Each structure stands twice: as structure tokens, then as C-alpha cells.
PDB file of all heavy atoms in Angstrom:
ATOM      1  N   PHE A   1      15.325   3.275 -25.403  1.00  0.00           N
ATOM      2  CA  PHE A   1      14.356   3.987 -26.231  1.00  0.00           C
ATOM      3  C   PHE A   1      14.471   5.480 -25.965  1.00  0.00           C
ATOM      4  O   PHE A   1      14.142   5.965 -24.882  1.00  0.00           O
ATOM      5  CB  PHE A   1      12.937   3.477 -25.936  1.00  0.00           C
ATOM      6  CG  PHE A   1      12.775   2.009 -26.196  1.00  0.00           C
ATOM      7  CD1 PHE A   1      12.688   1.102 -25.147  1.00  0.00           C
ATOM      8  CD2 PHE A   1      12.730   1.526 -27.501  1.00  0.00           C
ATOM      9  CE1 PHE A   1      12.538  -0.258 -25.392  1.00  0.00           C
ATOM     10  CE2 PHE A   1      12.594   0.165 -27.755  1.00  0.00           C
ATOM     11  CZ  PHE A   1      12.497  -0.736 -26.694  1.00  0.00           C
ATOM     12  N   LYS A   2      14.936   6.194 -26.981  1.00  0.00           N
ATOM     13  CA  LYS A   2      15.256   7.608 -26.811  1.00  0.00           C
ATOM     14  C   LYS A   2      14.042   8.506 -26.985  1.00  0.00           C
ATOM     15  O   LYS A   2      12.973   8.064 -27.393  1.00  0.00           O
ATOM     16  CB  LYS A   2      16.360   7.992 -27.794  1.00  0.00           C
ATOM     17  CG  LYS A   2      17.642   7.229 -27.534  1.00  0.00           C
ATOM     18  CD  LYS A   2      18.749   7.696 -28.425  1.00  0.00           C
ATOM     19  CE  LYS A   2      20.053   6.936 -28.117  1.00  0.00           C
ATOM     20  NZ  LYS A   2      21.145   7.343 -29.008  1.00  0.00           N
ATOM     21  N   ALA A   3      14.249   9.774 -26.654  1.00  0.00           N
ATOM     22  CA  ALA A   3      13.175  10.757 -26.776  1.00  0.00           C
ATOM     23  C   ALA A   3      12.794  10.954 -28.243  1.00  0.00           C
ATOM     24  O   ALA A   3      13.605  10.725 -29.141  1.00  0.00           O
ATOM     25  CB  ALA A   3      13.611  12.083 -26.166  1.00  0.00           C
ATOM     26  N   TYR A   4      11.557  11.379 -28.437  1.00  0.00           N
ATOM     27  CA  TYR A   4      11.030  11.616 -29.786  1.00  0.00           C
ATOM     28  C   TYR A   4      10.765  13.107 -29.927  1.00  0.00           C
ATOM     29  O   TYR A   4      10.194  13.743 -29.036  1.00  0.00           O
ATOM     30  CB  TYR A   4       9.737  10.824 -29.955  1.00  0.00           C
ATOM     31  CG  TYR A   4       8.971  11.108 -31.236  1.00  0.00           C
ATOM     32  CD1 TYR A   4       9.138  10.314 -32.359  1.00  0.00           C
ATOM     33  CD2 TYR A   4       8.049  12.154 -31.290  1.00  0.00           C
ATOM     34  CE1 TYR A   4       8.413  10.563 -33.521  1.00  0.00           C
ATOM     35  CE2 TYR A   4       7.320  12.406 -32.442  1.00  0.00           C
ATOM     36  CZ  TYR A   4       7.502  11.612 -33.558  1.00  0.00           C
ATOM     37  OH  TYR A   4       6.784  11.858 -34.704  1.00  0.00           O
ATOM     38  N   SER A   5      11.175  13.676 -31.043  1.00  0.00           N
ATOM     39  CA  SER A   5      10.905  15.089 -31.297  1.00  0.00           C
ATOM     40  C   SER A   5      10.722  15.297 -32.798  1.00  0.00           C
ATOM     41  O   SER A   5      11.658  15.128 -33.582  1.00  0.00           O
ATOM     42  CB  SER A   5      12.066  15.958 -30.778  1.00  0.00           C
ATOM     43  OG  SER A   5      11.765  17.324 -30.949  1.00  0.00           O
ATOM     44  N   LYS A   6       9.502  15.661 -33.168  1.00  0.00           N
ATOM     45  CA  LYS A   6       9.189  15.872 -34.579  1.00  0.00           C
ATOM     46  C   LYS A   6       7.931  16.719 -34.712  1.00  0.00           C
ATOM     47  O   LYS A   6       6.945  16.483 -34.011  1.00  0.00           O
ATOM     48  CB  LYS A   6       8.993  14.526 -35.284  1.00  0.00           C
ATOM     49  CG  LYS A   6       8.826  14.632 -36.799  1.00  0.00           C
ATOM     50  CD  LYS A   6       8.748  13.243 -37.426  1.00  0.00           C
ATOM     51  CE  LYS A   6       8.596  13.352 -38.936  1.00  0.00           C
ATOM     52  NZ  LYS A   6       8.504  12.013 -39.580  1.00  0.00           N
ATOM     53  N   ASP A   7       8.001  17.715 -35.604  1.00  0.00           N
ATOM     54  CA  ASP A   7       6.850  18.589 -35.880  1.00  0.00           C
ATOM     55  C   ASP A   7       6.231  19.169 -34.607  1.00  0.00           C
ATOM     56  O   ASP A   7       5.009  19.227 -34.453  1.00  0.00           O
ATOM     57  CB  ASP A   7       5.770  17.826 -36.659  1.00  0.00           C
ATOM     58  CG  ASP A   7       6.224  17.467 -38.077  1.00  0.00           C
ATOM     59  OD1 ASP A   7       7.186  18.089 -38.564  1.00  0.00           O
ATOM     60  OD2 ASP A   7       5.623  16.563 -38.665  1.00  0.00           O
ATOM     61  N   GLY A   8       7.086  19.574 -33.686  1.00  0.00           N
ATOM     62  CA  GLY A   8       6.593  20.201 -32.454  1.00  0.00           C
ATOM     63  C   GLY A   8       6.109  19.226 -31.400  1.00  0.00           C
ATOM     64  O   GLY A   8       5.630  19.628 -30.342  1.00  0.00           O
ATOM     65  N   VAL A   9       6.224  17.927 -31.692  1.00  0.00           N
ATOM     66  CA  VAL A   9       5.813  16.907 -30.721  1.00  0.00           C
ATOM     67  C   VAL A   9       7.049  16.339 -30.051  1.00  0.00           C
ATOM     68  O   VAL A   9       7.932  15.803 -30.716  1.00  0.00           O
ATOM     69  CB  VAL A   9       5.026  15.770 -31.403  1.00  0.00           C
ATOM     70  CG1 VAL A   9       4.632  14.711 -30.372  1.00  0.00           C
ATOM     71  CG2 VAL A   9       3.795  16.311 -32.117  1.00  0.00           C
ATOM     72  N   THR A  10       7.110  16.465 -28.727  1.00  0.00           N
ATOM     73  CA  THR A  10       8.254  15.942 -27.973  1.00  0.00           C
ATOM     74  C   THR A  10       7.769  14.942 -26.943  1.00  0.00           C
ATOM     75  O   THR A  10       6.860  15.242 -26.156  1.00  0.00           O
ATOM     76  CB  THR A  10       9.009  17.081 -27.266  1.00  0.00           C
ATOM     77  OG1 THR A  10       9.448  18.031 -28.245  1.00  0.00           O
ATOM     78  CG2 THR A  10      10.208  16.546 -26.502  1.00  0.00           C
ATOM     79  N   ILE A  11       8.358  13.762 -26.969  1.00  0.00           N
ATOM     80  CA  ILE A  11       8.032  12.711 -25.999  1.00  0.00           C
ATOM     81  C   ILE A  11       9.337  12.303 -25.324  1.00  0.00           C
ATOM     82  O   ILE A  11      10.304  11.957 -26.002  1.00  0.00           O
ATOM     83  CB  ILE A  11       7.381  11.494 -26.687  1.00  0.00           C
ATOM     84  CG1 ILE A  11       6.069  11.919 -27.376  1.00  0.00           C
ATOM     85  CG2 ILE A  11       7.111  10.384 -25.675  1.00  0.00           C
ATOM     86  CD1 ILE A  11       5.429  10.837 -28.211  1.00  0.00           C
ATOM     87  N   PRO A  12       9.398  12.380 -23.992  1.00  0.00           N
ATOM     88  CA  PRO A  12      10.648  12.052 -23.291  1.00  0.00           C
ATOM     89  C   PRO A  12      11.036  10.590 -23.458  1.00  0.00           C
ATOM     90  O   PRO A  12      10.210   9.745 -23.804  1.00  0.00           O
ATOM     91  CB  PRO A  12      10.317  12.374 -21.824  1.00  0.00           C
ATOM     92  CG  PRO A  12       8.830  12.287 -21.741  1.00  0.00           C
ATOM     93  CD  PRO A  12       8.309  12.726 -23.068  1.00  0.00           C
ATOM     94  N   GLU A  13      12.299  10.294 -23.210  1.00  0.00           N
ATOM     95  CA  GLU A  13      12.764   8.913 -23.358  1.00  0.00           C
ATOM     96  C   GLU A  13      12.130   8.005 -22.309  1.00  0.00           C
ATOM     97  O   GLU A  13      11.675   8.458 -21.257  1.00  0.00           O
ATOM     98  CB  GLU A  13      14.283   8.843 -23.282  1.00  0.00           C
ATOM     99  CG  GLU A  13      14.871   9.140 -21.927  1.00  0.00           C
ATOM    100  CD  GLU A  13      16.385   9.010 -21.937  1.00  0.00           C
ATOM    101  OE1 GLU A  13      17.035   9.537 -22.862  1.00  0.00           O
ATOM    102  OE2 GLU A  13      16.916   8.360 -21.006  1.00  0.00           O
ATOM    103  N   TYR A  14      12.113   6.746 -22.635  1.00  0.00           N
ATOM    104  CA  TYR A  14      11.471   5.738 -21.780  1.00  0.00           C
ATOM    105  C   TYR A  14      12.139   5.687 -20.413  1.00  0.00           C
ATOM    106  O   TYR A  14      13.352   5.648 -20.294  1.00  0.00           O
ATOM    107  CB  TYR A  14      11.568   4.367 -22.463  1.00  0.00           C
ATOM    108  CG  TYR A  14      11.174   3.207 -21.587  1.00  0.00           C
ATOM    109  CD1 TYR A  14       9.839   2.962 -21.302  1.00  0.00           C
ATOM    110  CD2 TYR A  14      12.146   2.363 -21.056  1.00  0.00           C
ATOM    111  CE1 TYR A  14       9.471   1.892 -20.492  1.00  0.00           C
ATOM    112  CE2 TYR A  14      11.782   1.280 -20.256  1.00  0.00           C
ATOM    113  CZ  TYR A  14      10.451   1.055 -19.974  1.00  0.00           C
ATOM    114  OH  TYR A  14      10.094  -0.008 -19.184  1.00  0.00           O
ATOM    115  N   ASN A  15      11.301   5.717 -19.369  1.00  0.00           N
ATOM    116  CA  ASN A  15      11.802   5.614 -18.001  1.00  0.00           C
ATOM    117  C   ASN A  15      10.948   4.586 -17.256  1.00  0.00           C
ATOM    118  O   ASN A  15       9.830   4.865 -16.819  1.00  0.00           O
ATOM    119  CB  ASN A  15      11.714   6.979 -17.303  1.00  0.00           C
ATOM    120  CG  ASN A  15      12.362   6.972 -15.929  1.00  0.00           C
ATOM    121  OD1 ASN A  15      12.204   6.033 -15.163  1.00  0.00           O
ATOM    122  ND2 ASN A  15      13.078   8.039 -15.616  1.00  0.00           N
ATOM    123  N   GLY A  16      11.492   3.383 -17.148  1.00  0.00           N
ATOM    124  CA  GLY A  16      10.750   2.279 -16.552  1.00  0.00           C
ATOM    125  C   GLY A  16      10.340   2.517 -15.117  1.00  0.00           C
ATOM    126  O   GLY A  16       9.235   2.152 -14.701  1.00  0.00           O
ATOM    127  N   GLU A  17      11.216   3.158 -14.331  1.00  0.00           N
ATOM    128  CA  GLU A  17      10.917   3.392 -12.915  1.00  0.00           C
ATOM    129  C   GLU A  17       9.724   4.323 -12.739  1.00  0.00           C
ATOM    130  O   GLU A  17       8.855   4.097 -11.899  1.00  0.00           O
ATOM    131  CB  GLU A  17      12.148   3.973 -12.202  1.00  0.00           C
ATOM    132  CG  GLU A  17      13.259   2.976 -11.965  1.00  0.00           C
ATOM    133  CD  GLU A  17      12.790   1.764 -11.185  1.00  0.00           C
ATOM    134  OE1 GLU A  17      12.113   1.947 -10.146  1.00  0.00           O
ATOM    135  OE2 GLU A  17      13.065   0.623 -11.607  1.00  0.00           O
ATOM    136  N   LYS A  18       9.698   5.375 -13.559  1.00  0.00           N
ATOM    137  CA  LYS A  18       8.580   6.315 -13.478  1.00  0.00           C
ATOM    138  C   LYS A  18       7.265   5.636 -13.821  1.00  0.00           C
ATOM    139  O   LYS A  18       6.231   5.882 -13.195  1.00  0.00           O
ATOM    140  CB  LYS A  18       8.804   7.497 -14.427  1.00  0.00           C
ATOM    141  CG  LYS A  18       9.693   8.586 -13.873  1.00  0.00           C
ATOM    142  CD  LYS A  18       9.691   9.793 -14.799  1.00  0.00           C
ATOM    143  CE  LYS A  18      10.522  10.913 -14.203  1.00  0.00           C
ATOM    144  NZ  LYS A  18      10.530  12.113 -15.090  1.00  0.00           N
ATOM    145  N   LEU A  19       7.299   4.792 -14.840  1.00  0.00           N
ATOM    146  CA  LEU A  19       6.083   4.091 -15.250  1.00  0.00           C
ATOM    147  C   LEU A  19       5.584   3.168 -14.147  1.00  0.00           C
ATOM    148  O   LEU A  19       4.377   3.067 -13.906  1.00  0.00           O
ATOM    149  CB  LEU A  19       6.329   3.284 -16.525  1.00  0.00           C
ATOM    150  CG  LEU A  19       6.505   4.074 -17.818  1.00  0.00           C
ATOM    151  CD1 LEU A  19       6.627   3.121 -18.998  1.00  0.00           C
ATOM    152  CD2 LEU A  19       5.333   5.029 -18.055  1.00  0.00           C
ATOM    153  N   LYS A  20       6.506   2.497 -13.477  1.00  0.00           N
ATOM    154  CA  LYS A  20       6.108   1.607 -12.385  1.00  0.00           C
ATOM    155  C   LYS A  20       5.474   2.401 -11.244  1.00  0.00           C
ATOM    156  O   LYS A  20       4.453   2.004 -10.672  1.00  0.00           O
ATOM    157  CB  LYS A  20       7.318   0.822 -11.874  1.00  0.00           C
ATOM    158  CG  LYS A  20       7.761  -0.290 -12.819  1.00  0.00           C
ATOM    159  CD  LYS A  20       9.001  -0.992 -12.291  1.00  0.00           C
ATOM    160  CE  LYS A  20       9.497  -2.041 -13.283  1.00  0.00           C
ATOM    161  NZ  LYS A  20      10.755  -2.675 -12.832  1.00  0.00           N
ATOM    162  N   GLU A  21       6.092   3.511 -10.911  1.00  0.00           N
ATOM    163  CA  GLU A  21       5.569   4.356  -9.836  1.00  0.00           C
ATOM    164  C   GLU A  21       4.148   4.824 -10.139  1.00  0.00           C
ATOM    165  O   GLU A  21       3.248   4.729  -9.307  1.00  0.00           O
ATOM    166  CB  GLU A  21       6.471   5.582  -9.638  1.00  0.00           C
ATOM    167  CG  GLU A  21       7.770   5.302  -8.927  1.00  0.00           C
ATOM    168  CD  GLU A  21       8.604   6.556  -8.765  1.00  0.00           C
ATOM    169  OE1 GLU A  21       8.107   7.650  -9.139  1.00  0.00           O
ATOM    170  OE2 GLU A  21       9.741   6.453  -8.273  1.00  0.00           O
ATOM    171  N   VAL A  22       3.977   5.357 -11.347  1.00  0.00           N
ATOM    172  CA  VAL A  22       2.680   5.918 -11.690  1.00  0.00           C
ATOM    173  C   VAL A  22       1.616   4.836 -11.821  1.00  0.00           C
ATOM    174  O   VAL A  22       0.453   5.048 -11.477  1.00  0.00           O
ATOM    175  CB  VAL A  22       2.780   6.774 -12.978  1.00  0.00           C
ATOM    176  CG1 VAL A  22       2.747   5.916 -14.231  1.00  0.00           C
ATOM    177  CG2 VAL A  22       1.660   7.809 -13.046  1.00  0.00           C
ATOM    178  N   SER A  23       1.994   3.642 -12.277  1.00  0.00           N
ATOM    179  CA  SER A  23       1.016   2.554 -12.416  1.00  0.00           C
ATOM    180  C   SER A  23       0.556   2.060 -11.050  1.00  0.00           C
ATOM    181  O   SER A  23      -0.628   1.793 -10.834  1.00  0.00           O
ATOM    182  CB  SER A  23       1.591   1.407 -13.242  1.00  0.00           C
ATOM    183  OG  SER A  23       2.684   0.802 -12.592  1.00  0.00           O
ATOM    184  N   VAL A  24       1.488   1.944 -10.110  1.00  0.00           N
ATOM    185  CA  VAL A  24       1.130   1.516  -8.752  1.00  0.00           C
ATOM    186  C   VAL A  24       0.246   2.569  -8.089  1.00  0.00           C
ATOM    187  O   VAL A  24      -0.779   2.257  -7.466  1.00  0.00           O
ATOM    188  CB  VAL A  24       2.391   1.259  -7.898  1.00  0.00           C
ATOM    189  CG1 VAL A  24       2.007   1.008  -6.445  1.00  0.00           C
ATOM    190  CG2 VAL A  24       3.169   0.071  -8.449  1.00  0.00           C
ATOM    191  N   GLY A  25       0.623   3.837  -8.230  1.00  0.00           N
ATOM    192  CA  GLY A  25      -0.158   4.929  -7.652  1.00  0.00           C
ATOM    193  C   GLY A  25      -1.563   4.988  -8.221  1.00  0.00           C
ATOM    194  O   GLY A  25      -2.544   5.182  -7.488  1.00  0.00           O
ATOM    195  N   ALA A  26      -1.666   4.796  -9.531  1.00  0.00           N
ATOM    196  CA  ALA A  26      -2.983   4.805 -10.172  1.00  0.00           C
ATOM    197  C   ALA A  26      -3.841   3.656  -9.655  1.00  0.00           C
ATOM    198  O   ALA A  26      -5.049   3.808  -9.447  1.00  0.00           O
ATOM    199  CB  ALA A  26      -2.834   4.702 -11.687  1.00  0.00           C
ATOM    200  N   GLY A  27      -3.208   2.514  -9.412  1.00  0.00           N
ATOM    201  CA  GLY A  27      -3.934   1.369  -8.870  1.00  0.00           C
ATOM    202  C   GLY A  27      -4.475   1.651  -7.478  1.00  0.00           C
ATOM    203  O   GLY A  27      -5.613   1.271  -7.148  1.00  0.00           O
ATOM    204  N   VAL A  28      -3.679   2.336  -6.673  1.00  0.00           N
ATOM    205  CA  VAL A  28      -4.108   2.724  -5.322  1.00  0.00           C
ATOM    206  C   VAL A  28      -5.345   3.617  -5.399  1.00  0.00           C
ATOM    207  O   VAL A  28      -6.335   3.421  -4.691  1.00  0.00           O
ATOM    208  CB  VAL A  28      -2.972   3.459  -4.575  1.00  0.00           C
ATOM    209  CG1 VAL A  28      -3.498   4.092  -3.284  1.00  0.00           C
ATOM    210  CG2 VAL A  28      -1.836   2.495  -4.251  1.00  0.00           C
ATOM    211  N   LEU A  29      -5.287   4.595  -6.288  1.00  0.00           N
ATOM    212  CA  LEU A  29      -6.402   5.540  -6.415  1.00  0.00           C
ATOM    213  C   LEU A  29      -7.651   4.865  -6.959  1.00  0.00           C
ATOM    214  O   LEU A  29      -8.759   5.116  -6.485  1.00  0.00           O
ATOM    215  CB  LEU A  29      -6.006   6.711  -7.317  1.00  0.00           C
ATOM    216  CG  LEU A  29      -4.853   7.576  -6.806  1.00  0.00           C
ATOM    217  CD1 LEU A  29      -4.581   8.719  -7.772  1.00  0.00           C
ATOM    218  CD2 LEU A  29      -5.171   8.128  -5.419  1.00  0.00           C
ATOM    219  N   LEU A  30      -7.476   4.017  -7.957  1.00  0.00           N
ATOM    220  CA  LEU A  30      -8.628   3.302  -8.520  1.00  0.00           C
ATOM    221  C   LEU A  30      -9.288   2.428  -7.462  1.00  0.00           C
ATOM    222  O   LEU A  30     -10.514   2.288  -7.434  1.00  0.00           O
ATOM    223  CB  LEU A  30      -8.193   2.436  -9.706  1.00  0.00           C
ATOM    224  CG  LEU A  30      -8.049   3.147 -11.046  1.00  0.00           C
ATOM    225  CD1 LEU A  30      -7.400   2.221 -12.072  1.00  0.00           C
ATOM    226  CD2 LEU A  30      -9.403   3.634 -11.566  1.00  0.00           C
ATOM    227  N   GLY A  31      -8.487   1.853  -6.581  1.00  0.00           N
ATOM    228  CA  GLY A  31      -9.029   1.007  -5.526  1.00  0.00           C
ATOM    229  C   GLY A  31      -9.863   1.776  -4.526  1.00  0.00           C
ATOM    230  O   GLY A  31     -10.733   1.207  -3.868  1.00  0.00           O
ATOM    231  N   GLY A  32      -9.599   3.075  -4.404  1.00  0.00           N
ATOM    232  CA  GLY A  32     -10.327   3.877  -3.420  1.00  0.00           C
ATOM    233  C   GLY A  32     -11.481   4.677  -3.974  1.00  0.00           C
ATOM    234  O   GLY A  32     -12.301   5.202  -3.218  1.00  0.00           O
ATOM    235  N   ILE A  33     -11.575   4.787  -5.291  1.00  0.00           N
ATOM    236  CA  ILE A  33     -12.605   5.634  -5.896  1.00  0.00           C
ATOM    237  C   ILE A  33     -14.013   5.159  -5.558  1.00  0.00           C
ATOM    238  O   ILE A  33     -14.927   5.964  -5.351  1.00  0.00           O
ATOM    239  CB  ILE A  33     -12.412   5.713  -7.429  1.00  0.00           C
ATOM    240  CG1 ILE A  33     -11.286   6.695  -7.738  1.00  0.00           C
ATOM    241  CG2 ILE A  33     -13.682   6.148  -8.136  1.00  0.00           C
ATOM    242  CD1 ILE A  33     -10.962   6.804  -9.209  1.00  0.00           C
ATOM    243  N   GLY A  34     -14.187   3.824  -5.470  1.00  0.00           N
ATOM    244  CA  GLY A  34     -15.513   3.283  -5.188  1.00  0.00           C
ATOM    245  C   GLY A  34     -16.106   3.802  -3.894  1.00  0.00           C
ATOM    246  O   GLY A  34     -17.318   3.984  -3.790  1.00  0.00           O
ATOM    247  N   GLY A  35     -15.278   4.063  -2.907  1.00  0.00           N
ATOM    248  CA  GLY A  35     -15.786   4.536  -1.619  1.00  0.00           C
ATOM    249  C   GLY A  35     -15.641   6.029  -1.431  1.00  0.00           C
ATOM    250  O   GLY A  35     -15.933   6.554  -0.354  1.00  0.00           O
ATOM    251  N   ALA A  36     -15.182   6.716  -2.475  1.00  0.00           N
ATOM    252  CA  ALA A  36     -14.950   8.158  -2.362  1.00  0.00           C
ATOM    253  C   ALA A  36     -16.155   8.945  -2.861  1.00  0.00           C
ATOM    254  O   ALA A  36     -17.060   8.411  -3.492  1.00  0.00           O
ATOM    255  CB  ALA A  36     -13.706   8.545  -3.159  1.00  0.00           C
TER     256      ALA A  36
END
């Protein structure tokens, strides 16, 4: 899935590894918010 660029809107190409990293990290943070 390639990058998208149209009418000034640019979206980078799909990167599965980055998505996994950010989803795991977000889960860690969500788990700690209750006590923060």
C-alpha cells in the first residue's frame, strides 16, 4: 500500500512495524492512566 498524495494531503505508505510499535506503546500508556 503506497503513499497517498492529493490536493495537498500526503499520507505515508503503510508500515506494519510502526503500527505495531505504536499500538503496543499506546496500550502500555492506557494501562497506566488510571493510576496517574
